Protein backbone atom coordinates (compact mmCIF):
# COMPACT_ATOMS: atom_id res chain seq x y z
CA UNK A 1 -30.38 -31.34 0.02
CA UNK A 2 -27.04 -31.03 1.30
CA UNK A 3 -24.17 -31.47 -1.22
CA UNK A 4 -22.63 -34.74 -0.58
CA UNK A 5 -18.59 -34.72 -0.28
CA UNK A 6 -16.95 -35.39 -3.44
CA UNK A 7 -14.75 -38.59 -3.42
CA UNK A 8 -10.80 -38.24 -3.68
CA UNK A 9 -9.03 -38.82 -6.91
CA UNK A 10 -7.34 -41.70 -5.24
CA UNK A 11 -10.73 -43.55 -4.14
CA UNK A 12 -12.15 -43.23 -7.76
CA UNK A 13 -9.06 -44.89 -8.99
CA UNK A 14 -9.17 -47.62 -6.54
CA UNK A 15 -12.97 -48.12 -7.67
CA UNK A 16 -11.76 -48.60 -11.50
CA UNK A 17 -8.96 -50.85 -10.24
CA UNK A 18 -11.42 -53.03 -8.35
CA UNK A 19 -13.76 -53.19 -11.09
CA UNK A 20 -10.97 -54.17 -13.68
CA UNK A 21 -10.17 -57.17 -11.11
CA UNK A 22 -13.51 -58.33 -11.54
CA UNK A 23 -15.27 -57.19 -8.38
CA UNK A 24 -18.96 -56.27 -8.48
CA UNK A 25 -20.10 -52.70 -7.72
CA UNK A 26 -21.87 -54.01 -4.39
CA UNK A 27 -18.56 -55.53 -3.35
CA UNK A 28 -16.51 -52.65 -4.19
CA UNK A 29 -18.82 -50.27 -2.36
CA UNK A 30 -18.80 -52.44 0.94
CA UNK A 31 -15.09 -52.60 0.57
CA UNK A 32 -14.52 -48.69 0.34
CA UNK A 33 -17.46 -47.54 2.07
CA UNK A 34 -19.03 -46.04 -0.97
CA UNK A 35 -22.65 -46.11 -2.27
CA UNK A 36 -23.30 -48.81 -4.78
CA UNK A 37 -25.06 -46.03 -6.91
CA UNK A 38 -21.85 -43.72 -6.83
CA UNK A 39 -19.55 -46.62 -7.75
CA UNK A 40 -21.77 -47.58 -10.62
CA UNK A 41 -21.76 -43.85 -11.82
CA UNK A 42 -17.77 -43.63 -11.71
CA UNK A 43 -17.67 -46.92 -13.62
CA UNK A 44 -19.90 -45.80 -16.37
CA UNK A 45 -18.08 -42.23 -16.41
CA UNK A 46 -14.67 -44.27 -16.96
CA UNK A 47 -16.12 -46.38 -19.40
CA UNK A 48 -17.22 -43.65 -21.66
CA UNK A 49 -14.31 -41.13 -21.12
CA UNK A 50 -11.61 -43.19 -19.99
CA UNK A 51 -10.82 -41.04 -17.06
CA UNK A 52 -11.80 -40.37 -13.45
CA UNK A 53 -11.14 -36.62 -13.38
CA UNK A 54 -13.84 -34.30 -12.90
CA UNK A 55 -15.32 -33.01 -16.20
CA UNK A 56 -15.95 -29.35 -17.17
CA UNK A 57 -19.37 -28.45 -15.85
CA UNK A 58 -21.41 -26.12 -18.03
CA UNK A 59 -23.25 -24.39 -15.33
CA UNK A 60 -25.82 -21.54 -15.53
CA UNK A 61 -25.06 -19.05 -18.38
CA UNK A 62 -23.63 -15.67 -17.58
CA UNK A 63 -26.30 -13.10 -16.95
CA UNK A 64 -24.03 -10.25 -18.58
CA UNK A 65 -23.14 -10.67 -21.98
CA UNK A 66 -19.68 -10.24 -23.25
CA UNK A 67 -20.59 -7.00 -24.63
CA UNK A 68 -21.92 -6.09 -21.24
CA UNK A 69 -18.89 -7.19 -19.52
CA UNK A 70 -16.73 -4.73 -21.80
CA UNK A 71 -19.02 -1.73 -21.09
CA UNK A 72 -18.81 -1.97 -17.58
CA UNK A 73 -14.99 -2.67 -17.51
CA UNK A 74 -14.66 0.33 -19.90
CA UNK A 75 -16.91 2.43 -17.58
CA UNK A 76 -14.95 1.77 -14.35
CA UNK A 77 -11.58 2.11 -16.01
CA UNK A 78 -12.56 5.36 -17.06
CA UNK A 79 -14.35 6.82 -13.68
CA UNK A 80 -13.25 4.33 -10.90
CA UNK A 81 -15.59 6.12 -8.52
CA UNK A 82 -18.70 4.63 -10.44
CA UNK A 83 -20.85 2.42 -7.98
CA UNK A 84 -22.29 -1.03 -8.57
CA UNK A 85 -25.75 0.84 -8.44
CA UNK A 86 -24.80 3.06 -11.49
CA UNK A 87 -23.63 -0.17 -13.25
CA UNK A 88 -26.74 -1.89 -12.28
CA UNK A 89 -28.86 0.97 -13.86
CA UNK A 90 -26.49 0.97 -16.67
CA UNK A 91 -27.20 -2.41 -17.71
CA UNK A 92 -30.98 -2.27 -16.78
CA UNK A 93 -31.25 0.85 -19.45
CA UNK A 94 -29.67 -1.72 -21.86
CA UNK A 95 -32.20 -4.37 -21.20
CA UNK A 96 -30.18 -6.43 -18.51
CA UNK A 97 -31.36 -6.98 -15.12
CA UNK A 98 -28.59 -7.85 -12.77
CA UNK A 99 -27.88 -7.56 -8.99
CA UNK A 100 -25.14 -5.73 -7.40
CA UNK A 101 -23.68 -9.09 -6.19
CA UNK A 102 -23.50 -9.97 -9.90
CA UNK A 103 -21.71 -6.79 -10.80
CA UNK A 104 -19.02 -7.41 -8.10
CA UNK A 105 -18.30 -11.13 -9.42
CA UNK A 106 -18.04 -9.81 -12.78
CA UNK A 107 -15.52 -6.84 -11.93
CA UNK A 108 -13.75 -9.50 -10.00
CA UNK A 109 -13.38 -11.79 -12.83
CA UNK A 110 -11.73 -8.92 -14.86
CA UNK A 111 -9.19 -8.28 -11.97
CA UNK A 112 -11.16 -5.23 -10.49
CA UNK A 113 -12.22 -4.74 -6.70
CA UNK A 114 -13.62 -2.12 -4.82
CA UNK A 115 -11.09 -0.40 -2.36
CA UNK A 116 -10.74 2.47 -0.23
CA UNK A 117 -9.05 5.32 -2.08
CA UNK A 118 -5.78 6.52 -1.22
CA UNK A 119 -5.29 10.26 0.06
CA UNK A 120 -2.29 11.53 -1.49
CA UNK A 121 -0.70 15.11 -1.94
CA UNK A 122 -2.43 17.08 -4.63
CA UNK A 123 0.03 17.36 -7.53
CA UNK A 124 0.17 19.90 -10.14
CA UNK A 125 1.95 19.78 -13.54
CA UNK A 126 4.87 21.72 -12.37
CA UNK A 127 5.20 19.24 -9.02
CA UNK A 128 5.06 16.20 -11.57
CA UNK A 129 7.86 17.82 -13.67
CA UNK A 130 10.10 18.60 -10.46
CA UNK A 131 9.85 15.28 -9.37
CA UNK A 132 10.53 13.77 -12.56
CA UNK A 133 13.77 15.98 -12.72
CA UNK A 134 14.86 15.15 -9.16
CA UNK A 135 14.50 11.30 -9.86
CA UNK A 136 16.47 11.39 -13.22
CA UNK A 137 19.34 13.58 -11.79
CA UNK A 138 19.83 11.62 -8.79
CA UNK A 139 19.25 8.16 -10.03
CA UNK A 140 23.11 7.24 -10.58
CA UNK A 141 24.26 8.75 -7.34
CA UNK A 142 26.40 6.30 -5.30
CA UNK A 143 24.75 4.66 -2.32
CA UNK A 144 27.27 6.64 -0.14
CA UNK A 145 25.78 9.90 -1.01
CA UNK A 146 22.16 8.77 0.37
CA UNK A 147 23.98 7.38 3.53
CA UNK A 148 25.31 10.74 4.26
CA UNK A 149 21.96 12.61 4.46
CA UNK A 150 20.03 13.45 7.54
CA UNK A 151 16.37 13.31 6.67
CA UNK A 152 13.82 15.34 8.63
CA UNK A 153 10.27 15.99 8.95
CA UNK A 154 7.32 17.07 11.35
CA UNK A 155 4.30 14.67 11.83
CA UNK A 156 1.15 14.71 13.93
CA UNK A 157 -0.11 11.93 15.94
CA UNK A 158 -3.55 11.68 16.98
CA UNK A 159 -4.67 9.99 20.38
CA UNK A 160 -7.92 8.86 18.69
CA UNK A 161 -8.07 9.54 15.00
CA UNK A 162 -10.71 8.78 12.52
CA UNK A 163 -10.10 9.06 8.68
CA UNK A 164 -13.13 8.93 6.23
CA UNK A 165 -12.47 6.68 3.28
CA UNK A 166 -13.92 6.63 -0.12
CA UNK A 167 -14.23 3.62 -2.40
CA UNK A 168 -13.04 3.03 -5.92
CA UNK A 169 -12.77 0.18 -8.26
CA UNK A 170 -9.35 -0.53 -9.52
CA UNK A 171 -6.77 -3.34 -10.68
CA UNK A 172 -4.41 -4.75 -8.51
CA UNK A 173 -1.18 -2.40 -7.71
CA UNK A 174 -3.01 0.42 -9.11
CA UNK A 175 -3.93 2.02 -5.84
CA UNK A 176 -1.63 5.20 -6.36
CA UNK A 177 -2.75 5.95 -9.85
CA UNK A 178 -4.24 9.59 -9.85
CA UNK A 179 -7.76 8.34 -10.71
CA UNK A 180 -7.75 5.96 -7.74
CA UNK A 181 -6.61 8.53 -4.94
CA UNK A 182 -8.04 11.36 -3.18
CA UNK A 183 -5.91 14.64 -3.33
CA UNK A 184 -5.26 16.15 0.03
CA UNK A 185 -3.26 19.36 0.86
CA UNK A 186 -0.69 18.90 3.78
CA UNK A 187 -1.56 20.99 6.85
CA UNK A 188 -0.59 21.24 10.59
CA UNK A 189 -2.65 20.14 13.46
CA UNK A 190 -3.49 17.13 15.64
CA UNK A 191 -3.09 16.07 19.30
CA UNK A 192 0.70 16.05 19.34
CA UNK A 193 2.95 17.36 16.73
CA UNK A 194 6.66 15.96 16.42
CA UNK A 195 9.91 16.74 14.77
CA UNK A 196 12.59 14.17 13.98
CA UNK A 197 15.38 13.30 11.90
CA UNK A 198 17.29 9.87 11.00
CA UNK A 199 20.02 8.74 8.63
CA UNK A 200 21.28 5.47 7.67
CA UNK A 201 23.01 4.82 11.04
CA UNK A 202 19.68 5.16 13.12
CA UNK A 203 16.90 7.53 14.25
CA UNK A 204 18.15 10.98 15.51
CA UNK A 205 16.40 13.16 17.92
CA UNK A 206 12.82 13.40 18.26
CA UNK A 207 11.02 16.30 19.94
CA UNK A 208 7.48 17.34 20.58
CA UNK A 209 6.37 20.90 19.12
CA UNK A 210 4.02 22.18 21.70
CA UNK A 211 3.29 25.47 19.91
CA UNK A 212 2.53 26.51 16.30
CA UNK A 213 5.69 26.26 14.55
CA UNK A 214 7.10 29.32 12.89
CA UNK A 215 10.38 30.23 11.27
CA UNK A 216 12.13 31.27 14.54
CA UNK A 217 10.84 28.11 16.25
CA UNK A 218 12.20 25.91 13.52
CA UNK A 219 15.50 27.48 13.51
CA UNK A 220 15.71 26.89 17.24
CA UNK A 221 14.82 23.15 16.98
CA UNK A 222 17.48 22.75 14.14
CA UNK A 223 20.08 24.51 16.17
CA UNK A 224 19.39 22.38 19.37
CA UNK A 225 18.82 19.13 17.57
CA UNK A 226 20.28 18.85 14.15
CA UNK A 227 24.00 19.06 14.88
CA UNK A 228 23.89 16.93 18.06
CA UNK A 229 22.00 14.39 16.04
CA UNK A 230 24.62 14.16 13.39
CA UNK A 231 27.44 13.86 16.02
CA UNK A 232 25.27 11.05 17.76
CA UNK A 233 24.74 9.15 14.60
CA UNK A 234 28.64 9.87 13.89
CA UNK A 235 28.03 10.86 10.02
CA UNK A 236 30.93 11.73 8.05
CA UNK A 237 31.87 15.34 7.59
CA UNK A 238 30.12 17.01 4.63
CA UNK A 239 26.76 15.48 5.39
CA UNK A 240 23.62 16.84 3.70
CA UNK A 241 20.53 17.87 5.39
CA UNK A 242 16.93 17.33 3.76
CA UNK A 243 13.70 19.09 4.60
CA UNK A 244 10.73 19.94 2.77
CA UNK A 245 9.74 23.27 1.06
CA UNK A 246 7.33 24.52 3.75
CA UNK A 247 7.61 28.33 4.09
CA UNK A 248 9.27 28.16 7.39
CA UNK A 249 12.00 25.81 5.76
CA UNK A 250 12.60 27.97 2.79
CA UNK A 251 12.01 31.44 4.17
CA UNK A 252 14.94 33.67 3.31
CA UNK A 253 16.05 33.91 7.20
CA UNK A 254 16.15 30.29 7.57
CA UNK A 255 18.20 29.90 4.36
CA UNK A 256 20.65 32.25 5.55
CA UNK A 257 21.01 30.64 8.89
CA UNK A 258 21.66 27.42 7.20
CA UNK A 259 24.06 28.82 5.01
CA UNK A 260 25.87 30.56 8.16
CA UNK A 261 25.99 27.27 9.89
CA UNK A 262 27.54 25.63 6.79
CA UNK A 263 24.85 23.04 6.19
CA UNK A 264 24.64 21.62 2.89
CA UNK A 265 20.59 21.23 1.75
CA UNK A 266 19.36 18.61 -0.38
CA UNK A 267 17.28 20.63 -3.00
CA UNK A 268 13.80 18.93 -2.74
CA UNK A 269 10.79 18.57 -5.06
CA UNK A 270 7.56 19.81 -3.63
CA UNK A 271 4.77 17.52 -2.88
CA UNK A 272 7.01 14.55 -2.41
CA UNK A 273 6.46 12.63 0.75
CA UNK A 274 7.09 9.26 -0.95
CA UNK A 275 10.61 10.53 -1.71
CA UNK A 276 11.40 10.93 2.01
CA UNK A 277 12.06 7.55 3.83
CA UNK A 278 11.50 9.31 7.09
CA UNK A 279 7.65 8.82 6.05
CA UNK A 280 8.29 4.90 6.46
CA UNK A 281 9.75 5.75 10.07
CA UNK A 282 6.49 7.61 10.96
CA UNK A 283 4.62 4.79 9.77
CA UNK A 284 6.59 2.47 11.84
CA UNK A 285 6.27 4.86 15.01
CA UNK A 286 2.70 5.05 14.75
CA UNK A 287 2.01 1.55 14.40
CA UNK A 288 4.29 0.87 17.49
CA UNK A 289 2.42 3.75 19.33
CA UNK A 290 -1.10 2.29 18.62
CA UNK A 291 -0.14 -1.00 19.99
CA UNK A 292 0.54 0.69 23.24
CA UNK A 293 -2.94 2.15 23.38
CA UNK A 294 -2.05 5.31 25.16
CA UNK A 295 -4.96 7.15 26.87
CA UNK A 296 -3.76 10.61 27.37
CA UNK A 297 -1.56 13.11 25.93
CA UNK A 298 1.08 12.64 28.30
CA UNK A 299 1.41 9.05 27.74
CA UNK A 300 1.04 9.62 24.11
CA UNK A 301 4.22 11.44 24.17
CA UNK A 302 6.13 9.32 26.49
CA UNK A 303 5.43 6.32 24.43
CA UNK A 304 6.17 8.20 21.33
CA UNK A 305 9.85 9.03 22.54
CA UNK A 306 10.23 5.26 24.01
CA UNK A 307 9.19 3.53 20.69
CA UNK A 308 11.15 6.08 18.38
CA UNK A 309 14.57 5.13 20.16
CA UNK A 310 13.86 1.39 20.10
CA UNK A 311 13.67 1.55 16.03
CA UNK A 312 16.39 -0.51 14.98
CA UNK A 313 19.25 0.80 12.88
CA UNK A 314 18.93 -1.74 10.26
CA UNK A 315 15.27 -0.45 9.60
CA UNK A 316 16.90 2.99 8.86
CA UNK A 317 19.93 1.51 6.85
CA UNK A 318 17.54 -0.77 4.61
CA UNK A 319 15.20 2.43 4.10
CA UNK A 320 18.34 4.31 2.68
CA UNK A 321 19.88 1.28 1.03
CA UNK A 322 16.73 0.88 -1.42
CA UNK A 323 16.57 4.71 -2.00
CA UNK A 324 17.18 4.19 -5.61
CA UNK A 325 13.94 1.86 -6.09
CA UNK A 326 12.11 5.32 -5.02
CA UNK A 327 13.55 7.22 -7.94
CA UNK A 328 12.64 4.26 -10.28
CA UNK A 329 9.22 4.14 -9.21
CA UNK A 330 8.64 7.84 -9.47
CA UNK A 331 10.11 7.55 -13.31
CA UNK A 332 8.05 4.45 -13.99
CA UNK A 333 4.91 6.43 -12.62
CA UNK A 334 5.52 9.30 -14.70
CA UNK A 335 6.07 11.57 -11.85
CA UNK A 336 2.78 10.95 -9.72
CA UNK A 337 2.74 9.46 -6.30
CA UNK A 338 4.65 5.92 -5.68
CA UNK A 339 3.76 3.16 -3.00
CA UNK A 340 6.35 4.55 -0.88
């Protein structure tokens, strides 16, 4: 039998008002277009409980006991990669037979849900320590210091990319806890490789790297694009350059080249993409490019250049203006990867 539509509270109150006015159940039903049996039921309920509100419904008893709920909650908290099938088997061994849907509903009531594990850089204790040190040392730096930095990075953009996923059971806002992520090691490759930079004033130059980048090529890229970007962005004198700790970035020859050019370089903690706001710009660029749906490498490169130039300066400014929040997040997350 199909479930009937529940009467509104206003209609239920009108039934009681008409009943108190002396009208019969039949007359009330005809006036409001409600069945006589329904009118009688509401009036009896009002006489008994002095209310027309819905009363608590007992419902079917839970299939999983409180002890069972604690057990499965403790299990997935300890190992988020536990599957629903594993939990079904655990409960069955304890004498409780349930379905996977019951497991899902129970976990959801505990604030846990199945999600794809995030891929993050592999952090060793030395990385965690360096990240915390960086965050604490720069936490009180004035905003002007961050606005005077040119941020840089390389990224790959695939024409048609597929990323494998893995699910974990976690609480809300816990997607970046080490137990809920898949560590990855950064490496090159992809359909096209780009180098770019930006500051609080807006995007700098973006170029395609057509060959495997080595130290010599990297120095050439900086020579041809870094200083012109600084001039185009009209950054104040004494600006600071940021790049990662890739071997071609930290090679003795590269360090010497930067020193001779009088470029100040920001000391950077390894495995810290979340501390570099250019990662947000890469994300912005990739979304814009995906919307254009390029069909070949030539179109992909052209669209990347066009969309990079269209990124508003205000987006760059906001990324730098809120930089202190990144440092706070790293400290709060005890050195592990943050949402940024």
